[in-house]
């Protein structure tokens, strides 16, 4: 995922995290806090879950945040 912030200085620095991920998806994925890159934390089993729903949050240095749903 990718987010942008028009602020300057420390308030423009973004960090990413997974938020409110439940069930099978909670341990199946991880997000790089600096780049927003989402990766599988292990093997995914289609028979266990055919669809995963994640919520990624981007937070700036001024403590403002935005979220996006990833399917």
Protein backbone atom coordinates (compact mmCIF):
# COMPACT_ATOMS: atom_id res chain seq x y z
CA UNK A 1 0.00 0.00 0.00
CA UNK A 2 1.09 3.58 -0.44
CA UNK A 3 0.06 6.75 1.35
CA UNK A 4 1.25 10.35 1.01
CA UNK A 5 1.31 13.29 3.39
CA UNK A 6 1.69 16.92 2.27
CA UNK A 7 3.26 17.96 5.60
CA UNK A 8 6.97 18.72 5.91
CA UNK A 9 9.50 17.47 8.44
CA UNK A 10 8.71 14.83 11.06
CA UNK A 11 4.94 15.16 10.54
CA UNK A 12 5.31 13.86 6.97
CA UNK A 13 6.92 10.56 8.02
CA UNK A 14 4.46 7.68 7.64
CA UNK A 15 4.35 4.31 9.39
CA UNK A 16 2.16 1.41 8.33
CA UNK A 17 0.51 -1.29 10.42
CA UNK A 18 -2.17 -3.95 10.21
CA UNK A 19 -5.22 -3.04 12.22
CA UNK A 20 -8.16 -5.07 13.43
CA UNK A 21 -7.16 -8.18 11.49
CA UNK A 22 -9.01 -11.18 12.92
CA UNK A 23 -9.27 -14.90 12.33
CA UNK A 24 -6.96 -16.68 9.93
CA UNK A 25 -5.72 -13.42 8.40
CA UNK A 26 -4.33 -12.19 11.74
CA UNK A 27 -1.20 -14.35 11.53
CA UNK A 28 -1.09 -14.87 7.78
CA UNK A 29 0.22 -11.46 6.72
CA UNK A 30 2.63 -8.77 7.82
CA UNK A 31 3.23 -5.22 6.65
CA UNK A 32 6.57 -3.42 6.50
CA UNK A 33 6.13 -0.41 8.81
CA UNK A 34 8.30 1.83 6.61
CA UNK A 35 7.34 0.85 3.04
CA UNK A 36 3.77 -0.45 3.40
CA UNK A 37 4.68 -3.68 1.58
CA UNK A 38 2.34 -6.52 2.54
CA UNK A 39 3.78 -10.04 2.54
CA UNK A 40 2.55 -13.48 3.53
CA UNK A 41 3.98 -14.52 6.89
CA UNK A 42 3.84 -18.18 5.85
CA UNK A 43 2.10 -20.54 3.49
CA UNK A 44 -1.48 -19.67 2.53
CA UNK A 45 -3.98 -22.52 2.29
CA UNK A 46 -6.87 -21.88 -0.12
CA UNK A 47 -8.89 -24.65 1.55
CA UNK A 48 -8.57 -22.94 4.94
CA UNK A 49 -9.48 -19.51 3.54
CA UNK A 50 -10.33 -18.58 -0.04
CA UNK A 51 -10.37 -14.85 0.77
CA UNK A 52 -8.44 -12.70 3.23
CA UNK A 53 -9.51 -9.24 4.38
CA UNK A 54 -6.94 -6.91 5.94
CA UNK A 55 -7.08 -3.35 7.18
CA UNK A 56 -3.87 -1.34 6.78
CA UNK A 57 -3.36 1.88 8.69
CA UNK A 58 -0.97 4.68 7.73
CA UNK A 59 -0.08 7.09 10.54
CA UNK A 60 1.93 10.28 10.21
CA UNK A 61 4.27 11.91 12.73
CA UNK A 62 1.49 14.27 13.82
CA UNK A 63 -0.63 11.30 14.98
CA UNK A 64 -3.17 11.53 12.14
CA UNK A 65 -4.11 8.28 10.43
CA UNK A 66 -6.02 6.79 7.53
CA UNK A 67 -7.05 3.20 6.81
CA UNK A 68 -7.60 1.09 3.73
CA UNK A 69 -9.17 -2.32 3.28
CA UNK A 70 -7.18 -4.89 1.32
CA UNK A 71 -8.88 -8.01 -0.05
